[in-house]
């Protein structure tokens, strides 16, 4: 029975197991009124490109280190290619300044199971 469970830590399995891709962002909204336009427009672009919210705001409770995020966002996409297509799409690029002009923060893309 254990033979049927893939060893996901084995690099030989990379590519055989479909890995989702995640956008993880720590956003500090600096202009709430200006940020509203982005908040209203971005969900439709995410859904159109096969993504979904896993985390959208909510309380953050730091546990280790010096990281003290204010607003966390985690998006899931089917794979890294789809995530990058969304990020680079006209749909998203047309509204990205509504985020960058009204907030500051950090963002990463990461693959995972």
PDB file of N, CA and C in Angstrom:
ATOM      1  N   UNK A   1       0.818  -1.195   0.000  1.00  0.00           N
ATOM      2  CA  UNK A   1       0.000   0.000   0.000  1.00  0.00           C
ATOM      3  C   UNK A   1       0.864   1.262   0.000  1.00  0.00           C
ATOM      4  N   UNK A   2       1.937   1.284   0.773  1.00  0.00           N
ATOM      5  CA  UNK A   2       2.796   2.462   0.796  1.00  0.00           C
ATOM      6  C   UNK A   2       3.478   2.702  -0.540  1.00  0.00           C
ATOM      7  N   UNK A   3       3.621   1.662  -1.351  1.00  0.00           N
ATOM      8  CA  UNK A   3       4.238   1.826  -2.669  1.00  0.00           C
ATOM      9  C   UNK A   3       3.400   2.717  -3.576  1.00  0.00           C
ATOM     10  N   UNK A   4       2.106   2.850  -3.295  1.00  0.00           N
ATOM     11  CA  UNK A   4       1.231   3.649  -4.157  1.00  0.00           C
ATOM     12  C   UNK A   4       1.235   5.131  -3.788  1.00  0.00           C
ATOM     13  N   UNK A   5       1.873   5.480  -2.683  1.00  0.00           N
ATOM     14  CA  UNK A   5       1.925   6.876  -2.261  1.00  0.00           C
ATOM     15  C   UNK A   5       3.186   7.511  -2.841  1.00  0.00           C
ATOM     16  N   UNK A   6       3.022   8.573  -3.665  1.00  0.00           N
ATOM     17  CA  UNK A   6       4.210   9.191  -4.263  1.00  0.00           C
ATOM     18  C   UNK A   6       5.075   9.873  -3.218  1.00  0.00           C
ATOM     19  N   UNK A   7       6.363   9.800  -3.420  1.00  0.00           N
ATOM     20  CA  UNK A   7       7.326  10.487  -2.562  1.00  0.00           C
ATOM     21  C   UNK A   7       7.491  11.897  -3.111  1.00  0.00           C
ATOM     22  N   UNK A   8       6.658  12.831  -2.637  1.00  0.00           N
ATOM     23  CA  UNK A   8       6.669  14.175  -3.217  1.00  0.00           C
ATOM     24  C   UNK A   8       7.957  14.926  -2.936  1.00  0.00           C
ATOM     25  N   UNK A   9       8.756  14.453  -2.003  1.00  0.00           N
ATOM     26  CA  UNK A   9      10.055  15.063  -1.749  1.00  0.00           C
ATOM     27  C   UNK A   9      11.110  14.636  -2.750  1.00  0.00           C
ATOM     28  N   UNK A  10      10.819  13.613  -3.520  1.00  0.00           N
ATOM     29  CA  UNK A  10      11.745  13.093  -4.523  1.00  0.00           C
ATOM     30  C   UNK A  10      11.687  13.989  -5.756  1.00  0.00           C
ATOM     31  N   UNK A  11      12.792  14.606  -6.164  1.00  0.00           N
ATOM     32  CA  UNK A  11      12.766  15.503  -7.327  1.00  0.00           C
ATOM     33  C   UNK A  11      12.340  14.812  -8.615  1.00  0.00           C
ATOM     34  N   UNK A  12      12.404  13.495  -8.677  1.00  0.00           N
ATOM     35  CA  UNK A  12      11.958  12.780  -9.873  1.00  0.00           C
ATOM     36  C   UNK A  12      10.452  12.872 -10.076  1.00  0.00           C
ATOM     37  N   UNK A  13       9.706  13.217  -9.040  1.00  0.00           N
ATOM     38  CA  UNK A  13       8.258  13.329  -9.164  1.00  0.00           C
ATOM     39  C   UNK A  13       7.829  14.700  -9.667  1.00  0.00           C
ATOM     40  N   UNK A  14       8.723  15.654  -9.664  1.00  0.00           N
ATOM     41  CA  UNK A  14       8.392  17.001 -10.144  1.00  0.00           C
ATOM     42  C   UNK A  14       7.906  16.896 -11.581  1.00  0.00           C
ATOM     43  N   UNK A  15       6.785  17.463 -11.862  1.00  0.00           N
ATOM     44  CA  UNK A  15       6.217  17.399 -13.198  1.00  0.00           C
ATOM     45  C   UNK A  15       5.217  16.272 -13.347  1.00  0.00           C
ATOM     46  N   UNK A  16       5.337  15.221 -12.550  1.00  0.00           N
ATOM     47  CA  UNK A  16       4.374  14.132 -12.597  1.00  0.00           C
ATOM     48  C   UNK A  16       3.171  14.442 -11.718  1.00  0.00           C
ATOM     49  N   UNK A  17       3.389  15.224 -10.685  1.00  0.00           N
ATOM     50  CA  UNK A  17       2.313  15.648  -9.813  1.00  0.00           C
ATOM     51  C   UNK A  17       1.985  17.085 -10.189  1.00  0.00           C
ATOM     52  N   UNK A  18       0.709  17.345 -10.412  1.00  0.00           N
ATOM     53  CA  UNK A  18       0.324  18.698 -10.791  1.00  0.00           C
ATOM     54  C   UNK A  18       0.443  19.614  -9.581  1.00  0.00           C
ATOM     55  N   UNK A  19       1.291  20.624  -9.735  1.00  0.00           N
ATOM     56  CA  UNK A  19       1.493  21.576  -8.656  1.00  0.00           C
ATOM     57  C   UNK A  19       0.703  22.843  -8.930  1.00  0.00           C
ATOM     58  N   UNK A  20      -0.032  23.269  -7.935  1.00  0.00           N
ATOM     59  CA  UNK A  20      -0.704  24.550  -8.017  1.00  0.00           C
ATOM     60  C   UNK A  20       0.342  25.649  -7.833  1.00  0.00           C
ATOM     61  N   UNK A  21      -0.059  26.859  -8.129  1.00  0.00           N
ATOM     62  CA  UNK A  21       0.809  28.018  -7.910  1.00  0.00           C
ATOM     63  C   UNK A  21       0.055  29.008  -7.034  1.00  0.00           C
ATOM     64  N   UNK A  22       0.792  29.652  -6.160  1.00  0.00           N
ATOM     65  CA  UNK A  22       0.197  30.560  -5.194  1.00  0.00           C
ATOM     66  C   UNK A  22       0.858  31.929  -5.266  1.00  0.00           C
ATOM     67  N   UNK A  23       0.043  32.953  -5.177  1.00  0.00           N
ATOM     68  CA  UNK A  23       0.519  34.312  -4.988  1.00  0.00           C
ATOM     69  C   UNK A  23       0.329  34.599  -3.505  1.00  0.00           C
ATOM     70  N   UNK A  24       1.395  35.006  -2.847  1.00  0.00           N
ATOM     71  CA  UNK A  24       1.322  35.370  -1.435  1.00  0.00           C
ATOM     72  C   UNK A  24       1.763  36.822  -1.330  1.00  0.00           C
ATOM     73  N   UNK A  25       0.888  37.656  -0.792  1.00  0.00           N
ATOM     74  CA  UNK A  25       1.179  39.086  -0.714  1.00  0.00           C
ATOM     75  C   UNK A  25       0.918  39.608   0.691  1.00  0.00           C
ATOM     76  N   UNK A  26       1.760  40.511   1.092  1.00  0.00           N
ATOM     77  CA  UNK A  26       1.638  41.251   2.348  1.00  0.00           C
ATOM     78  C   UNK A  26       1.454  42.701   1.923  1.00  0.00           C
ATOM     79  N   UNK A  27       0.244  43.220   2.074  1.00  0.00           N
ATOM     80  CA  UNK A  27      -0.102  44.537   1.546  1.00  0.00           C
ATOM     81  C   UNK A  27      -0.456  45.487   2.684  1.00  0.00           C
ATOM     82  N   UNK A  28       0.136  46.659   2.663  1.00  0.00           N
ATOM     83  CA  UNK A  28      -0.253  47.732   3.580  1.00  0.00           C
ATOM     84  C   UNK A  28      -0.950  48.803   2.754  1.00  0.00           C
ATOM     85  N   UNK A  29      -2.238  48.955   2.959  1.00  0.00           N
ATOM     86  CA  UNK A  29      -3.014  49.945   2.218  1.00  0.00           C
ATOM     87  C   UNK A  29      -2.687  51.323   2.786  1.00  0.00           C
ATOM     88  N   UNK A  30      -2.223  52.213   1.923  1.00  0.00           N
ATOM     89  CA  UNK A  30      -1.845  53.563   2.346  1.00  0.00           C
ATOM     90  C   UNK A  30      -2.921  54.593   2.026  1.00  0.00           C
ATOM     91  N   UNK A  31      -3.805  54.273   1.086  1.00  0.00           N
ATOM     92  CA  UNK A  31      -4.905  55.156   0.708  1.00  0.00           C
ATOM     93  C   UNK A  31      -6.152  54.293   0.493  1.00  0.00           C
ATOM     94  N   UNK A  32      -6.938  54.069   1.543  1.00  0.00           N
ATOM     95  CA  UNK A  32      -8.100  53.181   1.427  1.00  0.00           C
ATOM     96  C   UNK A  32      -9.093  53.585   0.340  1.00  0.00           C
ATOM     97  N   UNK A  33      -9.338  54.874   0.192  1.00  0.00           N
ATOM     98  CA  UNK A  33     -10.289  55.315  -0.838  1.00  0.00           C
ATOM     99  C   UNK A  33      -9.791  54.959  -2.234  1.00  0.00           C
ATOM    100  N   UNK A  34      -8.528  55.210  -2.500  1.00  0.00           N
ATOM    101  CA  UNK A  34      -7.962  54.879  -3.804  1.00  0.00           C
ATOM    102  C   UNK A  34      -7.856  53.384  -4.038  1.00  0.00           C
ATOM    103  N   UNK A  35      -7.648  52.618  -2.980  1.00  0.00           N
ATOM    104  CA  UNK A  35      -7.494  51.163  -3.077  1.00  0.00           C
ATOM    105  C   UNK A  35      -8.814  50.468  -3.399  1.00  0.00           C
ATOM    106  N   UNK A  36      -9.938  51.115  -3.086  1.00  0.00           N
ATOM    107  CA  UNK A  36     -11.262  50.514  -3.318  1.00  0.00           C
ATOM    108  C   UNK A  36     -11.469  50.133  -4.779  1.00  0.00           C
ATOM    109  N   UNK A  37     -11.008  50.963  -5.687  1.00  0.00           N
ATOM    110  CA  UNK A  37     -11.178  50.680  -7.117  1.00  0.00           C
ATOM    111  C   UNK A  37     -10.506  49.356  -7.476  1.00  0.00           C
ATOM    112  N   UNK A  38      -9.317  49.139  -6.950  1.00  0.00           N
ATOM    113  CA  UNK A  38      -8.597  47.882  -7.178  1.00  0.00           C
ATOM    114  C   UNK A  38      -9.359  46.716  -6.559  1.00  0.00           C
ATOM    115  N   UNK A  39      -9.805  46.879  -5.321  1.00  0.00           N
ATOM    116  CA  UNK A  39     -10.535  45.813  -4.631  1.00  0.00           C
ATOM    117  C   UNK A  39     -11.788  45.395  -5.387  1.00  0.00           C
ATOM    118  N   UNK A  40     -12.440  46.343  -6.012  1.00  0.00           N
ATOM    119  CA  UNK A  40     -13.662  46.043  -6.754  1.00  0.00           C
ATOM    120  C   UNK A  40     -13.372  45.361  -8.084  1.00  0.00           C
ATOM    121  N   UNK A  41     -12.265  45.707  -8.714  1.00  0.00           N
ATOM    122  CA  UNK A  41     -11.970  45.199 -10.058  1.00  0.00           C
ATOM    123  C   UNK A  41     -11.202  43.885 -10.081  1.00  0.00           C
ATOM    124  N   UNK A  42     -10.330  43.642  -9.115  1.00  0.00           N
ATOM    125  CA  UNK A  42      -9.409  42.502  -9.201  1.00  0.00           C
ATOM    126  C   UNK A  42     -10.081  41.129  -9.110  1.00  0.00           C
ATOM    127  N   UNK A  43     -11.133  40.920  -8.307  1.00  0.00           N
ATOM    128  CA  UNK A  43     -11.692  39.562  -8.225  1.00  0.00           C
ATOM    129  C   UNK A  43     -12.128  38.983  -9.570  1.00  0.00           C
ATOM    130  N   UNK A  44     -12.719  39.787 -10.419  1.00  0.00           N
ATOM    131  CA  UNK A  44     -13.161  39.291 -11.726  1.00  0.00           C
ATOM    132  C   UNK A  44     -11.980  38.869 -12.591  1.00  0.00           C
ATOM    133  N   UNK A  45     -10.856  39.572 -12.489  1.00  0.00           N
ATOM    134  CA  UNK A  45      -9.685  39.194 -13.292  1.00  0.00           C
ATOM    135  C   UNK A  45      -9.102  37.877 -12.800  1.00  0.00           C
ATOM    136  N   UNK A  46      -9.108  37.686 -11.498  1.00  0.00           N
ATOM    137  CA  UNK A  46      -8.592  36.444 -10.916  1.00  0.00           C
ATOM    138  C   UNK A  46      -9.443  35.265 -11.366  1.00  0.00           C
ATOM    139  N   UNK A  47     -10.757  35.389 -11.222  1.00  0.00           N
ATOM    140  CA  UNK A  47     -11.674  34.305 -11.606  1.00  0.00           C
ATOM    141  C   UNK A  47     -11.580  34.002 -13.098  1.00  0.00           C
ATOM    142  N   UNK A  48     -11.495  35.037 -13.908  1.00  0.00           N
ATOM    143  CA  UNK A  48     -11.414  34.854 -15.364  1.00  0.00           C
ATOM    144  C   UNK A  48     -10.201  34.016 -15.758  1.00  0.00           C
ATOM    145  N   UNK A  49      -9.144  34.106 -14.989  1.00  0.00           N
ATOM    146  CA  UNK A  49      -7.901  33.400 -15.306  1.00  0.00           C
ATOM    147  C   UNK A  49      -7.711  32.132 -14.476  1.00  0.00           C
ATOM    148  N   UNK A  50      -8.785  31.647 -13.868  1.00  0.00           N
ATOM    149  CA  UNK A  50      -8.733  30.362 -13.175  1.00  0.00           C
ATOM    150  C   UNK A  50      -8.208  30.402 -11.763  1.00  0.00           C
ATOM    151  N   UNK A  51      -8.109  31.593 -11.191  1.00  0.00           N
ATOM    152  CA  UNK A  51      -7.603  31.708  -9.829  1.00  0.00           C
ATOM    153  C   UNK A  51      -8.713  31.844  -8.814  1.00  0.00           C
ATOM    154  N   UNK A  52      -8.342  31.705  -7.555  1.00  0.00           N
ATOM    155  CA  UNK A  52      -9.310  31.904  -6.473  1.00  0.00           C
ATOM    156  C   UNK A  52      -8.585  32.386  -5.221  1.00  0.00           C
ATOM    157  N   UNK A  53      -9.335  33.103  -4.404  1.00  0.00           N
ATOM    158  CA  UNK A  53      -8.805  33.567  -3.124  1.00  0.00           C
ATOM    159  C   UNK A  53      -8.794  32.415  -2.129  1.00  0.00           C
ATOM    160  N   UNK A  54      -7.698  32.261  -1.407  1.00  0.00           N
ATOM    161  CA  UNK A  54      -7.639  31.379  -0.246  1.00  0.00           C
ATOM    162  C   UNK A  54      -7.639  32.210   1.031  1.00  0.00           C
ATOM    163  N   UNK A  55      -6.987  33.364   0.971  1.00  0.00           N
ATOM    164  CA  UNK A  55      -6.938  34.307   2.090  1.00  0.00           C
ATOM    165  C   UNK A  55      -7.102  35.699   1.509  1.00  0.00           C
ATOM    166  N   UNK A  56      -7.962  36.481   2.134  1.00  0.00           N
ATOM    167  CA  UNK A  56      -8.176  37.857   1.674  1.00  0.00           C
ATOM    168  C   UNK A  56      -8.394  38.736   2.896  1.00  0.00           C
ATOM    169  N   UNK A  57      -7.305  39.258   3.419  1.00  0.00           N
ATOM    170  CA  UNK A  57      -7.408  40.073   4.619  1.00  0.00           C
ATOM    171  C   UNK A  57      -7.550  39.198   5.851  1.00  0.00           C
ATOM    172  N   UNK A  58      -8.221  39.696   6.855  1.00  0.00           N
ATOM    173  CA  UNK A  58      -8.389  38.952   8.100  1.00  0.00           C
ATOM    174  C   UNK A  58      -7.287  39.280   9.091  1.00  0.00           C
ATOM    175  N   UNK A  59      -7.502  38.851  10.317  1.00  0.00           N
ATOM    176  CA  UNK A  59      -6.514  39.101  11.368  1.00  0.00           C
ATOM    177  C   UNK A  59      -5.243  38.307  11.110  1.00  0.00           C
ATOM    178  N   UNK A  60      -4.120  38.923  11.398  1.00  0.00           N
ATOM    179  CA  UNK A  60      -2.807  38.290  11.260  1.00  0.00           C
ATOM    180  C   UNK A  60      -2.194  38.196  12.653  1.00  0.00           C
ATOM    181  N   UNK A  61      -1.689  37.030  12.991  1.00  0.00           N
ATOM    182  CA  UNK A  61      -1.066  36.817  14.298  1.00  0.00           C
ATOM    183  C   UNK A  61       0.361  36.324  14.102  1.00  0.00           C
ATOM    184  N   UNK A  62       1.333  37.242  14.112  1.00  0.00           N
ATOM    185  CA  UNK A  62       2.730  36.826  13.943  1.00  0.00           C
ATOM    186  C   UNK A  62       3.158  35.869  15.056  1.00  0.00           C
ATOM    187  N   UNK A  63       3.960  34.869  14.688  1.00  0.00           N
ATOM    188  CA  UNK A  63       4.414  33.874  15.660  1.00  0.00           C
ATOM    189  C   UNK A  63       5.924  33.821  15.805  1.00  0.00           C
ATOM    190  N   UNK A  64       6.653  33.962  14.712  1.00  0.00           N
ATOM    191  CA  UNK A  64       8.112  33.847  14.773  1.00  0.00           C
ATOM    192  C   UNK A  64       8.748  34.924  13.913  1.00  0.00           C
ATOM    193  N   UNK A  65       9.930  35.320  14.292  1.00  0.00           N
ATOM    194  CA  UNK A  65      10.676  36.290  13.504  1.00  0.00           C
ATOM    195  C   UNK A  65      10.156  37.705  13.681  1.00  0.00           C
ATOM    196  N   UNK A  66      10.574  38.574  12.765  1.00  0.00           N
ATOM    197  CA  UNK A  66      10.230  39.991  12.831  1.00  0.00           C
ATOM    198  C   UNK A  66       9.165  40.394  11.828  1.00  0.00           C
ATOM    199  N   UNK A  67       8.589  39.440  11.151  1.00  0.00           N
ATOM    200  CA  UNK A  67       7.586  39.735  10.128  1.00  0.00           C
ATOM    201  C   UNK A  67       6.288  40.141  10.801  1.00  0.00           C
ATOM    202  N   UNK A  68       5.763  41.300  10.455  1.00  0.00           N
ATOM    203  CA  UNK A  68       4.511  41.796  11.024  1.00  0.00           C
ATOM    204  C   UNK A  68       3.599  42.287   9.904  1.00  0.00           C
ATOM    205  N   UNK A  69       3.056  41.373   9.104  1.00  0.00           N
ATOM    206  CA  UNK A  69       2.205  41.784   7.986  1.00  0.00           C
ATOM    207  C   UNK A  69       0.924  42.449   8.477  1.00  0.00           C
ATOM    208  N   UNK A  70       0.386  43.325   7.641  1.00  0.00           N
ATOM    209  CA  UNK A  70      -0.850  44.015   8.004  1.00  0.00           C
ATOM    210  C   UNK A  70      -2.062  43.436   7.288  1.00  0.00           C
ATOM    211  N   UNK A  71      -1.911  43.074   6.033  1.00  0.00           N
ATOM    212  CA  UNK A  71      -3.020  42.507   5.254  1.00  0.00           C
ATOM    213  C   UNK A  71      -2.434  41.421   4.359  1.00  0.00           C
ATOM    214  N   UNK A  72      -2.839  40.191   4.581  1.00  0.00           N
ATOM    215  CA  UNK A  72      -2.326  39.066   3.792  1.00  0.00           C
ATOM    216  C   UNK A  72      -3.340  38.673   2.726  1.00  0.00           C
ATOM    217  N   UNK A  73      -2.813  38.335   1.561  1.00  0.00           N
ATOM    218  CA  UNK A  73      -3.626  37.808   0.469  1.00  0.00           C
ATOM    219  C   UNK A  73      -2.914  36.577  -0.066  1.00  0.00           C
ATOM    220  N   UNK A  74      -3.667  35.496  -0.236  1.00  0.00           N
ATOM    221  CA  UNK A  74      -3.143  34.280  -0.852  1.00  0.00           C
ATOM    222  C   UNK A  74      -4.113  33.884  -1.955  1.00  0.00           C
ATOM    223  N   UNK A  75      -3.587  33.783  -3.170  1.00  0.00           N
ATOM    224  CA  UNK A  75      -4.368  33.335  -4.318  1.00  0.00           C
ATOM    225  C   UNK A  75      -3.843  31.988  -4.769  1.00  0.00           C
ATOM    226  N   UNK A  76      -4.728  31.157  -5.292  1.00  0.00           N
ATOM    227  CA  UNK A  76      -4.325  29.868  -5.851  1.00  0.00           C
ATOM    228  C   UNK A  76      -4.702  29.828  -7.326  1.00  0.00           C
ATOM    229  N   UNK A  77      -3.772  29.369  -8.145  1.00  0.00           N
ATOM    230  CA  UNK A  77      -3.993  29.155  -9.571  1.00  0.00           C
ATOM    231  C   UNK A  77      -3.629  27.709  -9.888  1.00  0.00           C
ATOM    232  N   UNK A  78      -4.153  27.165 -10.981  1.00  0.00           N
ATOM    233  CA  UNK A  78      -3.873  25.763 -11.308  1.00  0.00           C
ATOM    234  C   UNK A  78      -2.389  25.443 -11.459  1.00  0.00           C
ATOM    235  N   UNK A  79      -1.606  26.412 -11.942  1.00  0.00           N
ATOM    236  CA  UNK A  79      -0.172  26.183 -12.148  1.00  0.00           C
ATOM    237  C   UNK A  79       0.518  27.534 -12.314  1.00  0.00           C
ATOM    238  N   UNK A  80       1.839  27.509 -12.342  1.00  0.00           N
ATOM    239  CA  UNK A  80       2.619  28.744 -12.424  1.00  0.00           C
ATOM    240  C   UNK A  80       2.379  29.475 -13.746  1.00  0.00           C
ATOM    241  N   UNK A  81       2.221  28.733 -14.821  1.00  0.00           N
ATOM    242  CA  UNK A  81       1.975  29.363 -16.124  1.00  0.00           C
ATOM    243  C   UNK A  81       0.697  30.190 -16.089  1.00  0.00           C
ATOM    244  N   UNK A  82      -0.354  29.630 -15.513  1.00  0.00           N
ATOM    245  CA  UNK A  82      -1.633  30.336 -15.428  1.00  0.00           C
ATOM    246  C   UNK A  82      -1.523  31.565 -14.535  1.00  0.00           C
ATOM    247  N   UNK A  83      -0.827  31.431 -13.422  1.00  0.00           N
ATOM    248  CA  UNK A  83      -0.626  32.573 -12.521  1.00  0.00           C
ATOM    249  C   UNK A  83       0.102  33.699 -13.238  1.00  0.00           C
ATOM    250  N   UNK A  84       1.164  33.383 -13.956  1.00  0.00           N
ATOM    251  CA  UNK A  84       1.923  34.411 -14.674  1.00  0.00           C
ATOM    252  C   UNK A  84       1.107  35.021 -15.805  1.00  0.00           C
ATOM    253  N   UNK A  85       0.287  34.209 -16.473  1.00  0.00           N
ATOM    254  CA  UNK A  85      -0.574  34.754 -17.537  1.00  0.00           C
ATOM    255  C   UNK A  85      -1.561  35.757 -16.956  1.00  0.00           C
ATOM    256  N   UNK A  86      -2.126  35.436 -15.788  1.00  0.00           N
ATOM    257  CA  UNK A  86      -3.031  36.387 -15.137  1.00  0.00           C
ATOM    258  C   UNK A  86      -2.282  37.675 -14.802  1.00  0.00           C
ATOM    259  N   UNK A  87      -1.148  37.559 -14.132  1.00  0.00           N
ATOM    260  CA  UNK A  87      -0.405  38.739 -13.686  1.00  0.00           C
ATOM    261  C   UNK A  87      -0.019  39.633 -14.866  1.00  0.00           C
ATOM    262  N   UNK A  88       0.356  39.033 -15.970  1.00  0.00           N
ATOM    263  CA  UNK A  88       0.796  39.793 -17.146  1.00  0.00           C
ATOM    264  C   UNK A  88      -0.335  40.153 -18.101  1.00  0.00           C
ATOM    265  N   UNK A  89      -1.552  39.714 -17.803  1.00  0.00           N
ATOM    266  CA  UNK A  89      -2.684  39.965 -18.698  1.00  0.00           C
ATOM    267  C   UNK A  89      -3.050  41.446 -18.725  1.00  0.00           C
ATOM    268  N   UNK A  90      -3.663  41.860 -19.826  1.00  0.00           N
ATOM    269  CA  UNK A  90      -4.175  43.226 -19.907  1.00  0.00           C
ATOM    270  C   UNK A  90      -5.202  43.468 -18.800  1.00  0.00           C
ATOM    271  N   UNK A  91      -6.017  42.436 -18.497  1.00  0.00           N
ATOM    272  CA  UNK A  91      -7.026  42.568 -17.442  1.00  0.00           C
ATOM    273  C   UNK A  91      -6.390  43.064 -16.146  1.00  0.00           C
ATOM    274  N   UNK A  92      -5.284  42.449 -15.758  1.00  0.00           N
ATOM    275  CA  UNK A  92      -4.651  42.819 -14.490  1.00  0.00           C
ATOM    276  C   UNK A  92      -3.757  44.045 -14.633  1.00  0.00           C
ATOM    277  N   UNK A  93      -2.996  44.118 -15.688  1.00  0.00           N
ATOM    278  CA  UNK A  93      -2.087  45.254 -15.862  1.00  0.00           C
ATOM    279  C   UNK A  93      -2.843  46.577 -15.956  1.00  0.00           C
ATOM    280  N   UNK A  94      -4.088  46.547 -16.430  1.00  0.00           N
ATOM    281  CA  UNK A  94      -4.890  47.769 -16.515  1.00  0.00           C
ATOM    282  C   UNK A  94      -5.305  48.303 -15.146  1.00  0.00           C
ATOM    283  N   UNK A  95      -5.244  47.466 -14.101  1.00  0.00           N
ATOM    284  CA  UNK A  95      -5.654  47.918 -12.770  1.00  0.00           C
ATOM    285  C   UNK A  95      -4.520  47.893 -11.742  1.00  0.00           C
ATOM    286  N   UNK A  96      -3.365  47.395 -12.127  1.00  0.00           N
ATOM    287  CA  UNK A  96      -2.287  47.227 -11.146  1.00  0.00           C
ATOM    288  C   UNK A  96      -1.879  48.551 -10.495  1.00  0.00           C
ATOM    289  N   UNK A  97      -1.956  49.637 -11.230  1.00  0.00           N
ATOM    290  CA  UNK A  97      -1.572  50.931 -10.641  1.00  0.00           C
ATOM    291  C   UNK A  97      -2.547  51.351  -9.539  1.00  0.00           C
ATOM    292  N   UNK A  98      -3.788  50.858  -9.592  1.00  0.00           N
ATOM    293  CA  UNK A  98      -4.733  51.147  -8.510  1.00  0.00           C
ATOM    294  C   UNK A  98      -4.267  50.507  -7.198  1.00  0.00           C
ATOM    295  N   UNK A  99      -3.496  49.433  -7.300  1.00  0.00           N
ATOM    296  CA  UNK A  99      -2.910  48.814  -6.105  1.00  0.00           C
ATOM    297  C   UNK A  99      -1.610  49.508  -5.728  1.00  0.00           C
ATOM    298  N   UNK A 100      -0.698  49.630  -6.692  1.00  0.00           N
ATOM    299  CA  UNK A 100       0.637  50.149  -6.375  1.00  0.00           C
ATOM    300  C   UNK A 100       0.626  51.625  -5.974  1.00  0.00           C
ATOM    301  N   UNK A 101      -0.324  52.393  -6.488  1.00  0.00           N
ATOM    302  CA  UNK A 101      -0.416  53.810  -6.121  1.00  0.00           C
ATOM    303  C   UNK A 101      -1.044  54.023  -4.744  1.00  0.00           C
ATOM    304  N   UNK A 102      -1.712  53.002  -4.228  1.00  0.00           N
ATOM    305  CA  UNK A 102      -2.484  53.158  -3.000  1.00  0.00           C
ATOM    306  C   UNK A 102      -2.100  52.177  -1.889  1.00  0.00           C
ATOM    307  N   UNK A 103      -0.984  51.493  -2.095  1.00  0.00           N
ATOM    308  CA  UNK A 103      -0.519  50.538  -1.089  1.00  0.00           C
ATOM    309  C   UNK A 103       0.971  50.296  -1.282  1.00  0.00           C
ATOM    310  N   UNK A 104       1.550  49.614  -0.315  1.00  0.00           N
ATOM    311  CA  UNK A 104       2.922  49.139  -0.459  1.00  0.00           C
ATOM    312  C   UNK A 104       2.966  47.737   0.135  1.00  0.00           C
ATOM    313  N   UNK A 105       3.937  46.962  -0.304  1.00  0.00           N
ATOM    314  CA  UNK A 105       4.001  45.609   0.236  1.00  0.00           C
ATOM    315  C   UNK A 105       4.963  44.722  -0.518  1.00  0.00           C
ATOM    316  N   UNK A 106       4.815  43.443  -0.266  1.00  0.00           N
ATOM    317  CA  UNK A 106       5.659  42.415  -0.871  1.00  0.00           C
ATOM    318  C   UNK A 106       4.777  41.322  -1.455  1.00  0.00           C
ATOM    319  N   UNK A 107       5.286  40.690  -2.521  1.00  0.00           N
ATOM    320  CA  UNK A 107       4.531  39.645  -3.192  1.00  0.00           C
ATOM    321  C   UNK A 107       5.497  38.604  -3.722  1.00  0.00           C
ATOM    322  N   UNK A 108       5.107  37.335  -3.604  1.00  0.00           N
ATOM    323  CA  UNK A 108       5.884  36.242  -4.188  1.00  0.00           C
ATOM    324  C   UNK A 108       4.935  35.278  -4.876  1.00  0.00           C
ATOM    325  N   UNK A 109       5.475  34.555  -5.861  1.00  0.00           N
ATOM    326  CA  UNK A 109       4.782  33.437  -6.495  1.00  0.00           C
ATOM    327  C   UNK A 109       5.500  32.177  -6.028  1.00  0.00           C
ATOM    328  N   UNK A 110       4.754  31.147  -5.673  1.00  0.00           N
ATOM    329  CA  UNK A 110       5.368  29.904  -5.209  1.00  0.00           C
ATOM    330  C   UNK A 110       4.545  28.710  -5.688  1.00  0.00           C
ATOM    331  N   UNK A 111       5.246  27.659  -6.104  1.00  0.00           N
ATOM    332  CA  UNK A 111       4.565  26.421  -6.463  1.00  0.00           C
ATOM    333  C   UNK A 111       4.393  25.577  -5.209  1.00  0.00           C
ATOM    334  N   UNK A 112       3.351  24.765  -5.207  1.00  0.00           N
ATOM    335  CA  UNK A 112       3.137  23.891  -4.059  1.00  0.00           C
ATOM    336  C   UNK A 112       2.119  22.818  -4.359  1.00  0.00           C
ATOM    337  N   UNK A 113       1.971  21.917  -3.415  1.00  0.00           N
ATOM    338  CA  UNK A 113       1.032  20.799  -3.553  1.00  0.00           C
ATOM    339  C   UNK A 113      -0.217  21.083  -2.772  1.00  0.00           C
TER     340      UNK A 113
END
